[in-house]
Structures are given as structure tokens and as C-alpha cells.
């Protein structure tokens, strides 16, 4: 989540261990990041949509398949929409890596 929210490494929580105080700090940090994510949901989803469009182009995804990915087309700026787009980007990245040789030869 730090990377997605582009949190400076100096501002990241660095803890080791699992004693109750550490677990409390981790829970508080997770809550802070979750709040930040909700505040920036519109921006995060727009970034994810741009990455998704790039992956569709890079993988030569057809219009029918793009249309099938409904959450991309809704003006639904929810955590579920962000998660669905994230899963689709990861799936396409894995697909691209598997078939990279073919994609690179089609240029």
C-alpha cells in the first residue's frame, strides 16, 4: 500500500517484532493508510485505469474483452472497483510475461 499511495520511504513505519505495542502500531499504520487510500480513491482508480488501458494495448486485447471488463466503465469509485482493476492489471502483466516473445515479434 505504501507504493500505491507513493508514501516517501522516510515516512513509512519501520517496526520489527510482534509484541502487543508493535501490533498496535501496525494496526494504527494500516488504518492511516486505509484512510489515505479512501481519500485518494478517485486518483488511484484513474491511475489504475491508465495502466489497464496500457496493458490492453500492449497485450492486443480485443474490444469484446475490454467491454467484458465492466468495472472499468462504471463511474464507480469504490475500493471494490480499484481491487478489480488491480487484479485485471496483474492478470494482464502475467499474460504479457508469458507471451512476451510473441508480443515483441509483432512490432
PDB file of N, CA and C in Angstrom:
ATOM      1  N   UNK A   1       0.834  -1.181   0.000  1.00  0.00           N
ATOM      2  CA  UNK A   1       0.000   0.000   0.000  1.00  0.00           C
ATOM      3  C   UNK A   1       0.885   1.252   0.000  1.00  0.00           C
ATOM      4  N   UNK A   2       2.054   1.176   0.633  1.00  0.00           N
ATOM      5  CA  UNK A   2       2.961   2.322   0.618  1.00  0.00           C
ATOM      6  C   UNK A   2       3.283   2.740  -0.817  1.00  0.00           C
ATOM      7  N   UNK A   3       3.591   1.757  -1.659  1.00  0.00           N
ATOM      8  CA  UNK A   3       3.949   2.071  -3.040  1.00  0.00           C
ATOM      9  C   UNK A   3       2.774   2.664  -3.803  1.00  0.00           C
ATOM     10  N   UNK A   4       1.595   2.075  -3.643  1.00  0.00           N
ATOM     11  CA  UNK A   4       0.416   2.571  -4.356  1.00  0.00           C
ATOM     12  C   UNK A   4       0.124   4.014  -3.973  1.00  0.00           C
ATOM     13  N   UNK A   5       0.281   4.338  -2.689  1.00  0.00           N
ATOM     14  CA  UNK A   5      -0.006   5.693  -2.212  1.00  0.00           C
ATOM     15  C   UNK A   5       1.185   6.631  -2.362  1.00  0.00           C
ATOM     16  N   UNK A   6       2.289   6.094  -2.878  1.00  0.00           N
ATOM     17  CA  UNK A   6       3.512   6.865  -3.094  1.00  0.00           C
ATOM     18  C   UNK A   6       3.977   7.560  -1.816  1.00  0.00           C
ATOM     19  N   UNK A   7       4.003   6.788  -0.718  1.00  0.00           N
ATOM     20  CA  UNK A   7       4.469   7.295   0.571  1.00  0.00           C
ATOM     21  C   UNK A   7       5.990   7.283   0.567  1.00  0.00           C
ATOM     22  N   UNK A   8       6.586   8.408   0.911  1.00  0.00           N
ATOM     23  CA  UNK A   8       8.034   8.531   0.989  1.00  0.00           C
ATOM     24  C   UNK A   8       8.588   7.467   1.940  1.00  0.00           C
ATOM     25  N   UNK A   9       9.682   6.791   1.559  1.00  0.00           N
ATOM     26  CA  UNK A   9      10.256   5.760   2.433  1.00  0.00           C
ATOM     27  C   UNK A   9      10.576   6.254   3.845  1.00  0.00           C
ATOM     28  N   UNK A  10      10.909   7.527   3.977  1.00  0.00           N
ATOM     29  CA  UNK A  10      11.206   8.074   5.302  1.00  0.00           C
ATOM     30  C   UNK A  10       9.961   8.205   6.172  1.00  0.00           C
ATOM     31  N   UNK A  11       8.791   8.205   5.544  1.00  0.00           N
ATOM     32  CA  UNK A  11       7.543   8.346   6.288  1.00  0.00           C
ATOM     33  C   UNK A  11       6.885   7.003   6.585  1.00  0.00           C
ATOM     34  N   UNK A  12       7.519   5.929   6.162  1.00  0.00           N
ATOM     35  CA  UNK A  12       6.950   4.603   6.368  1.00  0.00           C
ATOM     36  C   UNK A  12       7.293   4.089   7.758  1.00  0.00           C
ATOM     37  N   UNK A  13       6.374   3.342   8.308  1.00  0.00           N
ATOM     38  CA  UNK A  13       6.557   2.765   9.631  1.00  0.00           C
ATOM     39  C   UNK A  13       7.532   1.601   9.532  1.00  0.00           C
ATOM     40  N   UNK A  14       8.574   1.640  10.345  1.00  0.00           N
ATOM     41  CA  UNK A  14       9.567   0.571  10.373  1.00  0.00           C
ATOM     42  C   UNK A  14       9.550  -0.054  11.754  1.00  0.00           C
ATOM     43  N   UNK A  15       9.008  -1.255  11.840  1.00  0.00           N
ATOM     44  CA  UNK A  15       8.948  -1.951  13.123  1.00  0.00           C
ATOM     45  C   UNK A  15       9.358  -3.406  12.931  1.00  0.00           C
ATOM     46  N   UNK A  16       9.896  -3.964  13.982  1.00  0.00           N
ATOM     47  CA  UNK A  16      10.264  -5.371  13.988  1.00  0.00           C
ATOM     48  C   UNK A  16       9.642  -6.020  15.204  1.00  0.00           C
ATOM     49  N   UNK A  17       9.295  -7.263  15.072  1.00  0.00           N
ATOM     50  CA  UNK A  17       8.772  -7.987  16.212  1.00  0.00           C
ATOM     51  C   UNK A  17       7.270  -8.127  16.167  1.00  0.00           C
ATOM     52  N   UNK A  18       6.729  -8.683  17.245  1.00  0.00           N
ATOM     53  CA  UNK A  18       5.295  -8.921  17.286  1.00  0.00           C
ATOM     54  C   UNK A  18       4.709  -8.733  18.682  1.00  0.00           C
ATOM     55  N   UNK A  19       5.381  -7.959  19.494  1.00  0.00           N
ATOM     56  CA  UNK A  19       4.829  -7.700  20.819  1.00  0.00           C
ATOM     57  C   UNK A  19       3.593  -6.816  20.676  1.00  0.00           C
ATOM     58  N   UNK A  20       2.714  -6.807  21.672  1.00  0.00           N
ATOM     59  CA  UNK A  20       1.446  -6.064  21.538  1.00  0.00           C
ATOM     60  C   UNK A  20       1.601  -4.603  21.115  1.00  0.00           C
ATOM     61  N   UNK A  21       2.616  -3.900  21.588  1.00  0.00           N
ATOM     62  CA  UNK A  21       2.765  -2.494  21.187  1.00  0.00           C
ATOM     63  C   UNK A  21       3.084  -2.377  19.704  1.00  0.00           C
ATOM     64  N   UNK A  22       3.878  -3.311  19.195  1.00  0.00           N
ATOM     65  CA  UNK A  22       4.206  -3.306  17.768  1.00  0.00           C
ATOM     66  C   UNK A  22       2.948  -3.610  16.955  1.00  0.00           C
ATOM     67  N   UNK A  23       2.185  -4.588  17.401  1.00  0.00           N
ATOM     68  CA  UNK A  23       0.949  -4.924  16.694  1.00  0.00           C
ATOM     69  C   UNK A  23      -0.033  -3.760  16.707  1.00  0.00           C
ATOM     70  N   UNK A  24      -0.089  -3.043  17.806  1.00  0.00           N
ATOM     71  CA  UNK A  24      -0.957  -1.864  17.890  1.00  0.00           C
ATOM     72  C   UNK A  24      -0.495  -0.804  16.904  1.00  0.00           C
ATOM     73  N   UNK A  25       0.823  -0.570  16.854  1.00  0.00           N
ATOM     74  CA  UNK A  25       1.372   0.418  15.912  1.00  0.00           C
ATOM     75  C   UNK A  25       1.076   0.007  14.470  1.00  0.00           C
ATOM     76  N   UNK A  26       1.236  -1.274  14.170  1.00  0.00           N
ATOM     77  CA  UNK A  26       0.945  -1.753  12.819  1.00  0.00           C
ATOM     78  C   UNK A  26      -0.525  -1.551  12.467  1.00  0.00           C
ATOM     79  N   UNK A  27      -1.394  -1.839  13.403  1.00  0.00           N
ATOM     80  CA  UNK A  27      -2.826  -1.643  13.174  1.00  0.00           C
ATOM     81  C   UNK A  27      -3.139  -0.162  12.936  1.00  0.00           C
ATOM     82  N   UNK A  28      -2.539   0.712  13.716  1.00  0.00           N
ATOM     83  CA  UNK A  28      -2.754   2.153  13.546  1.00  0.00           C
ATOM     84  C   UNK A  28      -2.233   2.620  12.191  1.00  0.00           C
ATOM     85  N   UNK A  29      -1.072   2.102  11.790  1.00  0.00           N
ATOM     86  CA  UNK A  29      -0.496   2.489  10.499  1.00  0.00           C
ATOM     87  C   UNK A  29      -1.374   1.984   9.354  1.00  0.00           C
ATOM     88  N   UNK A  30      -1.858   0.761   9.478  1.00  0.00           N
ATOM     89  CA  UNK A  30      -2.743   0.217   8.447  1.00  0.00           C
ATOM     90  C   UNK A  30      -4.004   1.074   8.324  1.00  0.00           C
ATOM     91  N   UNK A  31      -4.545   1.482   9.452  1.00  0.00           N
ATOM     92  CA  UNK A  31      -5.742   2.322   9.462  1.00  0.00           C
ATOM     93  C   UNK A  31      -5.458   3.671   8.802  1.00  0.00           C
ATOM     94  N   UNK A  32      -4.291   4.246   9.092  1.00  0.00           N
ATOM     95  CA  UNK A  32      -3.901   5.525   8.494  1.00  0.00           C
ATOM     96  C   UNK A  32      -3.807   5.389   6.970  1.00  0.00           C
ATOM     97  N   UNK A  33      -3.174   4.305   6.514  1.00  0.00           N
ATOM     98  CA  UNK A  33      -3.029   4.086   5.079  1.00  0.00           C
ATOM     99  C   UNK A  33      -4.377   3.810   4.416  1.00  0.00           C
ATOM    100  N   UNK A  34      -5.224   3.086   5.104  1.00  0.00           N
ATOM    101  CA  UNK A  34      -6.556   2.809   4.574  1.00  0.00           C
ATOM    102  C   UNK A  34      -7.360   4.103   4.432  1.00  0.00           C
ATOM    103  N   UNK A  35      -7.254   4.990   5.406  1.00  0.00           N
ATOM    104  CA  UNK A  35      -7.918   6.297   5.328  1.00  0.00           C
ATOM    105  C   UNK A  35      -7.367   7.111   4.162  1.00  0.00           C
ATOM    106  N   UNK A  36      -6.047   7.090   3.999  1.00  0.00           N
ATOM    107  CA  UNK A  36      -5.401   7.804   2.892  1.00  0.00           C
ATOM    108  C   UNK A  36      -5.879   7.247   1.551  1.00  0.00           C
ATOM    109  N   UNK A  37      -5.993   5.924   1.475  1.00  0.00           N
ATOM    110  CA  UNK A  37      -6.456   5.295   0.234  1.00  0.00           C
ATOM    111  C   UNK A  37      -7.866   5.763  -0.095  1.00  0.00           C
ATOM    112  N   UNK A  38      -8.743   5.792   0.901  1.00  0.00           N
ATOM    113  CA  UNK A  38     -10.117   6.235   0.661  1.00  0.00           C
ATOM    114  C   UNK A  38     -10.153   7.698   0.223  1.00  0.00           C
ATOM    115  N   UNK A  39      -9.292   8.531   0.810  1.00  0.00           N
ATOM    116  CA  UNK A  39      -9.241   9.949   0.435  1.00  0.00           C
ATOM    117  C   UNK A  39      -8.771  10.123  -1.003  1.00  0.00           C
ATOM    118  N   UNK A  40      -7.921   9.222  -1.469  1.00  0.00           N
ATOM    119  CA  UNK A  40      -7.319   9.342  -2.796  1.00  0.00           C
ATOM    120  C   UNK A  40      -7.885   8.335  -3.793  1.00  0.00           C
ATOM    121  N   UNK A  41      -9.029   7.780  -3.507  1.00  0.00           N
ATOM    122  CA  UNK A  41      -9.598   6.717  -4.329  1.00  0.00           C
ATOM    123  C   UNK A  41      -9.790   7.144  -5.785  1.00  0.00           C
ATOM    124  N   UNK A  42     -10.302   8.336  -6.006  1.00  0.00           N
ATOM    125  CA  UNK A  42     -10.530   8.835  -7.365  1.00  0.00           C
ATOM    126  C   UNK A  42      -9.219   8.839  -8.149  1.00  0.00           C
ATOM    127  N   UNK A  43      -8.180   9.393  -7.575  1.00  0.00           N
ATOM    128  CA  UNK A  43      -6.878   9.466  -8.226  1.00  0.00           C
ATOM    129  C   UNK A  43      -6.277   8.077  -8.444  1.00  0.00           C
ATOM    130  N   UNK A  44      -6.373   7.215  -7.442  1.00  0.00           N
ATOM    131  CA  UNK A  44      -5.824   5.863  -7.557  1.00  0.00           C
ATOM    132  C   UNK A  44      -6.521   5.072  -8.658  1.00  0.00           C
ATOM    133  N   UNK A  45      -7.837   5.206  -8.749  1.00  0.00           N
ATOM    134  CA  UNK A  45      -8.581   4.487  -9.787  1.00  0.00           C
ATOM    135  C   UNK A  45      -8.234   5.036 -11.165  1.00  0.00           C
ATOM    136  N   UNK A  46      -8.083   6.332 -11.293  1.00  0.00           N
ATOM    137  CA  UNK A  46      -7.682   6.906 -12.582  1.00  0.00           C
ATOM    138  C   UNK A  46      -6.305   6.403 -13.002  1.00  0.00           C
ATOM    139  N   UNK A  47      -5.366   6.335 -12.066  1.00  0.00           N
ATOM    140  CA  UNK A  47      -4.034   5.799 -12.371  1.00  0.00           C
ATOM    141  C   UNK A  47      -4.135   4.339 -12.809  1.00  0.00           C
ATOM    142  N   UNK A  48      -4.953   3.578 -12.102  1.00  0.00           N
ATOM    143  CA  UNK A  48      -5.119   2.163 -12.419  1.00  0.00           C
ATOM    144  C   UNK A  48      -5.766   1.996 -13.790  1.00  0.00           C
ATOM    145  N   UNK A  49      -6.721   2.855 -14.138  1.00  0.00           N
ATOM    146  CA  UNK A  49      -7.361   2.779 -15.447  1.00  0.00           C
ATOM    147  C   UNK A  49      -6.357   3.067 -16.558  1.00  0.00           C
ATOM    148  N   UNK A  50      -5.460   4.017 -16.347  1.00  0.00           N
ATOM    149  CA  UNK A  50      -4.429   4.306 -17.342  1.00  0.00           C
ATOM    150  C   UNK A  50      -3.507   3.105 -17.531  1.00  0.00           C
ATOM    151  N   UNK A  51      -3.148   2.471 -16.425  1.00  0.00           N
ATOM    152  CA  UNK A  51      -2.297   1.291 -16.517  1.00  0.00           C
ATOM    153  C   UNK A  51      -3.039   0.153 -17.219  1.00  0.00           C
ATOM    154  N   UNK A  52      -4.311   0.016 -16.929  1.00  0.00           N
ATOM    155  CA  UNK A  52      -5.129  -1.014 -17.561  1.00  0.00           C
ATOM    156  C   UNK A  52      -5.225  -0.777 -19.067  1.00  0.00           C
ATOM    157  N   UNK A  53      -5.448   0.454 -19.474  1.00  0.00           N
ATOM    158  CA  UNK A  53      -5.502   0.780 -20.900  1.00  0.00           C
ATOM    159  C   UNK A  53      -4.183   0.449 -21.583  1.00  0.00           C
ATOM    160  N   UNK A  54      -3.076   0.761 -20.937  1.00  0.00           N
ATOM    161  CA  UNK A  54      -1.758   0.459 -21.499  1.00  0.00           C
ATOM    162  C   UNK A  54      -1.565  -1.051 -21.646  1.00  0.00           C
ATOM    163  N   UNK A  55      -2.003  -1.817 -20.652  1.00  0.00           N
ATOM    164  CA  UNK A  55      -1.868  -3.272 -20.722  1.00  0.00           C
ATOM    165  C   UNK A  55      -2.768  -3.853 -21.810  1.00  0.00           C
ATOM    166  N   UNK A  56      -3.981  -3.313 -21.957  1.00  0.00           N
ATOM    167  CA  UNK A  56      -4.859  -3.783 -23.025  1.00  0.00           C
ATOM    168  C   UNK A  56      -4.191  -3.574 -24.381  1.00  0.00           C
ATOM    169  N   UNK A  57      -3.587  -2.423 -24.559  1.00  0.00           N
ATOM    170  CA  UNK A  57      -2.918  -2.128 -25.827  1.00  0.00           C
ATOM    171  C   UNK A  57      -1.697  -3.023 -26.011  1.00  0.00           C
ATOM    172  N   UNK A  58      -0.909  -3.162 -24.968  1.00  0.00           N
ATOM    173  CA  UNK A  58       0.314  -3.956 -25.035  1.00  0.00           C
ATOM    174  C   UNK A  58       0.015  -5.432 -25.327  1.00  0.00           C
ATOM    175  N   UNK A  59      -1.107  -5.922 -24.823  1.00  0.00           N
ATOM    176  CA  UNK A  59      -1.482  -7.334 -24.998  1.00  0.00           C
ATOM    177  C   UNK A  59      -2.449  -7.549 -26.163  1.00  0.00           C
ATOM    178  N   UNK A  60      -2.721  -6.491 -26.922  1.00  0.00           N
ATOM    179  CA  UNK A  60      -3.629  -6.573 -28.060  1.00  0.00           C
ATOM    180  C   UNK A  60      -4.981  -7.170 -27.660  1.00  0.00           C
ATOM    181  N   UNK A  61      -5.531  -6.687 -26.573  1.00  0.00           N
ATOM    182  CA  UNK A  61      -6.822  -7.173 -26.086  1.00  0.00           C
ATOM    183  C   UNK A  61      -7.921  -6.633 -26.993  1.00  0.00           C
ATOM    184  N   UNK A  62      -8.821  -7.507 -27.392  1.00  0.00           N
ATOM    185  CA  UNK A  62      -9.908  -7.132 -28.294  1.00  0.00           C
ATOM    186  C   UNK A  62     -10.986  -6.317 -27.601  1.00  0.00           C
ATOM    187  N   UNK A  63     -11.743  -5.621 -28.418  1.00  0.00           N
ATOM    188  CA  UNK A  63     -12.807  -4.748 -27.911  1.00  0.00           C
ATOM    189  C   UNK A  63     -13.843  -5.517 -27.093  1.00  0.00           C
ATOM    190  N   UNK A  64     -14.166  -6.734 -27.519  1.00  0.00           N
ATOM    191  CA  UNK A  64     -15.146  -7.532 -26.768  1.00  0.00           C
ATOM    192  C   UNK A  64     -14.652  -7.843 -25.358  1.00  0.00           C
ATOM    193  N   UNK A  65     -13.374  -8.181 -25.245  1.00  0.00           N
ATOM    194  CA  UNK A  65     -12.810  -8.477 -23.922  1.00  0.00           C
ATOM    195  C   UNK A  65     -12.751  -7.228 -23.058  1.00  0.00           C
ATOM    196  N   UNK A  66     -12.450  -6.108 -23.683  1.00  0.00           N
ATOM    197  CA  UNK A  66     -12.419  -4.850 -22.930  1.00  0.00           C
ATOM    198  C   UNK A  66     -13.822  -4.529 -22.423  1.00  0.00           C
ATOM    199  N   UNK A  67     -14.819  -4.698 -23.294  1.00  0.00           N
ATOM    200  CA  UNK A  67     -16.203  -4.443 -22.894  1.00  0.00           C
ATOM    201  C   UNK A  67     -16.630  -5.366 -21.758  1.00  0.00           C
ATOM    202  N   UNK A  68     -16.094  -6.588 -21.746  1.00  0.00           N
ATOM    203  CA  UNK A  68     -16.454  -7.558 -20.714  1.00  0.00           C
ATOM    204  C   UNK A  68     -15.964  -7.128 -19.334  1.00  0.00           C
ATOM    205  N   UNK A  69     -14.959  -6.292 -19.317  1.00  0.00           N
ATOM    206  CA  UNK A  69     -14.440  -5.830 -18.033  1.00  0.00           C
ATOM    207  C   UNK A  69     -15.260  -4.616 -17.595  1.00  0.00           C
ATOM    208  N   UNK A  70     -16.431  -4.883 -17.099  1.00  0.00           N
ATOM    209  CA  UNK A  70     -17.414  -3.839 -16.813  1.00  0.00           C
ATOM    210  C   UNK A  70     -16.968  -2.809 -15.785  1.00  0.00           C
ATOM    211  N   UNK A  71     -16.257  -3.203 -14.759  1.00  0.00           N
ATOM    212  CA  UNK A  71     -15.943  -2.237 -13.700  1.00  0.00           C
ATOM    213  C   UNK A  71     -15.115  -1.064 -14.218  1.00  0.00           C
ATOM    214  N   UNK A  72     -14.441  -1.264 -15.360  1.00  0.00           N
ATOM    215  CA  UNK A  72     -13.657  -0.173 -15.930  1.00  0.00           C
ATOM    216  C   UNK A  72     -14.563   0.953 -16.425  1.00  0.00           C
ATOM    217  N   UNK A  73     -15.742   0.609 -16.872  1.00  0.00           N
ATOM    218  CA  UNK A  73     -16.606   1.599 -17.499  1.00  0.00           C
ATOM    219  C   UNK A  73     -17.559   2.289 -16.545  1.00  0.00           C
ATOM    220  N   UNK A  74     -17.702   1.779 -15.368  1.00  0.00           N
ATOM    221  CA  UNK A  74     -18.601   2.417 -14.407  1.00  0.00           C
ATOM    222  C   UNK A  74     -17.902   3.591 -13.736  1.00  0.00           C
ATOM    223  N   UNK A  75     -18.664   4.596 -13.431  1.00  0.00           N
ATOM    224  CA  UNK A  75     -18.128   5.702 -12.637  1.00  0.00           C
ATOM    225  C   UNK A  75     -18.249   5.320 -11.170  1.00  0.00           C
ATOM    226  N   UNK A  76     -17.747   4.159 -10.865  1.00  0.00           N
ATOM    227  CA  UNK A  76     -17.860   3.568  -9.537  1.00  0.00           C
ATOM    228  C   UNK A  76     -16.497   3.659  -8.864  1.00  0.00           C
ATOM    229  N   UNK A  77     -16.298   4.698  -8.109  1.00  0.00           N
ATOM    230  CA  UNK A  77     -15.013   4.920  -7.456  1.00  0.00           C
ATOM    231  C   UNK A  77     -15.054   4.328  -6.055  1.00  0.00           C
ATOM    232  N   UNK A  78     -15.003   2.981  -6.028  1.00  0.00           N
ATOM    233  CA  UNK A  78     -15.053   2.258  -4.762  1.00  0.00           C
ATOM    234  C   UNK A  78     -13.792   1.418  -4.615  1.00  0.00           C
ATOM    235  N   UNK A  79     -13.568   0.949  -3.411  1.00  0.00           N
ATOM    236  CA  UNK A  79     -12.427   0.071  -3.167  1.00  0.00           C
ATOM    237  C   UNK A  79     -12.564  -1.220  -3.969  1.00  0.00           C
ATOM    238  N   UNK A  80     -13.791  -1.693  -4.149  1.00  0.00           N
ATOM    239  CA  UNK A  80     -14.021  -2.911  -4.921  1.00  0.00           C
ATOM    240  C   UNK A  80     -13.620  -2.715  -6.382  1.00  0.00           C
ATOM    241  N   UNK A  81     -13.938  -1.557  -6.928  1.00  0.00           N
ATOM    242  CA  UNK A  81     -13.565  -1.248  -8.300  1.00  0.00           C
ATOM    243  C   UNK A  81     -12.043  -1.180  -8.440  1.00  0.00           C
ATOM    244  N   UNK A  82     -11.395  -0.537  -7.492  1.00  0.00           N
ATOM    245  CA  UNK A  82      -9.931  -0.453  -7.501  1.00  0.00           C
ATOM    246  C   UNK A  82      -9.331  -1.850  -7.427  1.00  0.00           C
ATOM    247  N   UNK A  83      -9.862  -2.690  -6.562  1.00  0.00           N
ATOM    248  CA  UNK A  83      -9.360  -4.059  -6.404  1.00  0.00           C
ATOM    249  C   UNK A  83      -9.557  -4.863  -7.687  1.00  0.00           C
ATOM    250  N   UNK A  84     -10.724  -4.731  -8.321  1.00  0.00           N
ATOM    251  CA  UNK A  84     -10.994  -5.455  -9.569  1.00  0.00           C
ATOM    252  C   UNK A  84     -10.019  -5.029 -10.661  1.00  0.00           C
ATOM    253  N   UNK A  85      -9.760  -3.738 -10.756  1.00  0.00           N
ATOM    254  CA  UNK A  85      -8.824  -3.243 -11.761  1.00  0.00           C
ATOM    255  C   UNK A  85      -7.406  -3.711 -11.462  1.00  0.00           C
ATOM    256  N   UNK A  86      -7.046  -3.734 -10.186  1.00  0.00           N
ATOM    257  CA  UNK A  86      -5.719  -4.190  -9.783  1.00  0.00           C
ATOM    258  C   UNK A  86      -5.519  -5.655 -10.162  1.00  0.00           C
ATOM    259  N   UNK A  87      -6.524  -6.473  -9.914  1.00  0.00           N
ATOM    260  CA  UNK A  87      -6.454  -7.896 -10.264  1.00  0.00           C
ATOM    261  C   UNK A  87      -6.323  -8.065 -11.776  1.00  0.00           C
ATOM    262  N   UNK A  88      -7.065  -7.276 -12.544  1.00  0.00           N
ATOM    263  CA  UNK A  88      -7.007  -7.363 -14.004  1.00  0.00           C
ATOM    264  C   UNK A  88      -5.641  -6.933 -14.524  1.00  0.00           C
ATOM    265  N   UNK A  89      -5.068  -5.884 -13.966  1.00  0.00           N
ATOM    266  CA  UNK A  89      -3.729  -5.447 -14.379  1.00  0.00           C
ATOM    267  C   UNK A  89      -2.714  -6.546 -14.084  1.00  0.00           C
ATOM    268  N   UNK A  90      -2.781  -7.139 -12.908  1.00  0.00           N
ATOM    269  CA  UNK A  90      -1.853  -8.221 -12.557  1.00  0.00           C
ATOM    270  C   UNK A  90      -2.016  -9.416 -13.491  1.00  0.00           C
ATOM    271  N   UNK A  91      -3.250  -9.746 -13.825  1.00  0.00           N
ATOM    272  CA  UNK A  91      -3.512 -10.861 -14.740  1.00  0.00           C
ATOM    273  C   UNK A  91      -2.901 -10.583 -16.112  1.00  0.00           C
ATOM    274  N   UNK A  92      -3.088  -9.357 -16.599  1.00  0.00           N
ATOM    275  CA  UNK A  92      -2.547  -8.993 -17.909  1.00  0.00           C
ATOM    276  C   UNK A  92      -1.023  -8.923 -17.891  1.00  0.00           C
ATOM    277  N   UNK A  93      -0.441  -8.482 -16.797  1.00  0.00           N
ATOM    278  CA  UNK A  93       1.019  -8.457 -16.693  1.00  0.00           C
ATOM    279  C   UNK A  93       1.586  -9.875 -16.752  1.00  0.00           C
ATOM    280  N   UNK A  94       0.940 -10.806 -16.054  1.00  0.00           N
ATOM    281  CA  UNK A  94       1.380 -12.203 -16.085  1.00  0.00           C
ATOM    282  C   UNK A  94       1.213 -12.777 -17.499  1.00  0.00           C
ATOM    283  N   UNK A  95       0.102 -12.451 -18.146  1.00  0.00           N
ATOM    284  CA  UNK A  95      -0.161 -12.901 -19.508  1.00  0.00           C
ATOM    285  C   UNK A  95       0.905 -12.355 -20.460  1.00  0.00           C
ATOM    286  N   UNK A  96       1.228 -11.080 -20.305  1.00  0.00           N
ATOM    287  CA  UNK A  96       2.240 -10.469 -21.163  1.00  0.00           C
ATOM    288  C   UNK A  96       3.594 -11.149 -20.967  1.00  0.00           C
ATOM    289  N   UNK A  97       3.965 -11.379 -19.718  1.00  0.00           N
ATOM    290  CA  UNK A  97       5.252 -12.025 -19.436  1.00  0.00           C
ATOM    291  C   UNK A  97       5.308 -13.420 -20.058  1.00  0.00           C
ATOM    292  N   UNK A  98       4.202 -14.140 -19.993  1.00  0.00           N
ATOM    293  CA  UNK A  98       4.155 -15.492 -20.551  1.00  0.00           C
ATOM    294  C   UNK A  98       4.331 -15.478 -22.069  1.00  0.00           C
ATOM    295  N   UNK A  99       3.778 -14.489 -22.729  1.00  0.00           N
ATOM    296  CA  UNK A  99       3.785 -14.430 -24.187  1.00  0.00           C
ATOM    297  C   UNK A  99       4.636 -13.282 -24.731  1.00  0.00           C
ATOM    298  N   UNK A 100       5.547 -12.782 -23.933  1.00  0.00           N
ATOM    299  CA  UNK A 100       6.361 -11.620 -24.305  1.00  0.00           C
ATOM    300  C   UNK A 100       7.056 -11.806 -25.655  1.00  0.00           C
ATOM    301  N   UNK A 101       7.596 -12.979 -25.904  1.00  0.00           N
ATOM    302  CA  UNK A 101       8.297 -13.234 -27.160  1.00  0.00           C
ATOM    303  C   UNK A 101       7.418 -12.995 -28.372  1.00  0.00           C
ATOM    304  N   UNK A 102       6.190 -13.422 -28.301  1.00  0.00           N
ATOM    305  CA  UNK A 102       5.255 -13.225 -29.414  1.00  0.00           C
ATOM    306  C   UNK A 102       4.898 -11.750 -29.549  1.00  0.00           C
ATOM    307  N   UNK A 103       4.610 -11.099 -28.430  1.00  0.00           N
ATOM    308  CA  UNK A 103       4.248  -9.683 -28.479  1.00  0.00           C
ATOM    309  C   UNK A 103       5.390  -8.837 -29.035  1.00  0.00           C
ATOM    310  N   UNK A 104       6.611  -9.162 -28.672  1.00  0.00           N
ATOM    311  CA  UNK A 104       7.756  -8.373 -29.131  1.00  0.00           C
ATOM    312  C   UNK A 104       8.018  -8.588 -30.616  1.00  0.00           C
ATOM    313  N   UNK A 105       7.638  -9.731 -31.148  1.00  0.00           N
ATOM    314  CA  UNK A 105       7.841 -10.019 -32.569  1.00  0.00           C
ATOM    315  C   UNK A 105       6.737  -9.468 -33.452  1.00  0.00           C
ATOM    316  N   UNK A 106       5.677  -8.932 -32.865  1.00  0.00           N
ATOM    317  CA  UNK A 106       4.580  -8.394 -33.670  1.00  0.00           C
ATOM    318  C   UNK A 106       4.772  -6.922 -33.987  1.00  0.00           C
ATOM    319  N   UNK A 107       5.816  -6.330 -33.473  1.00  0.00           N
ATOM    320  CA  UNK A 107       6.049  -4.896 -33.700  1.00  0.00           C
ATOM    321  C   UNK A 107       6.552  -4.652 -35.085  1.00  0.00           C
TER     322      UNK A 107
END
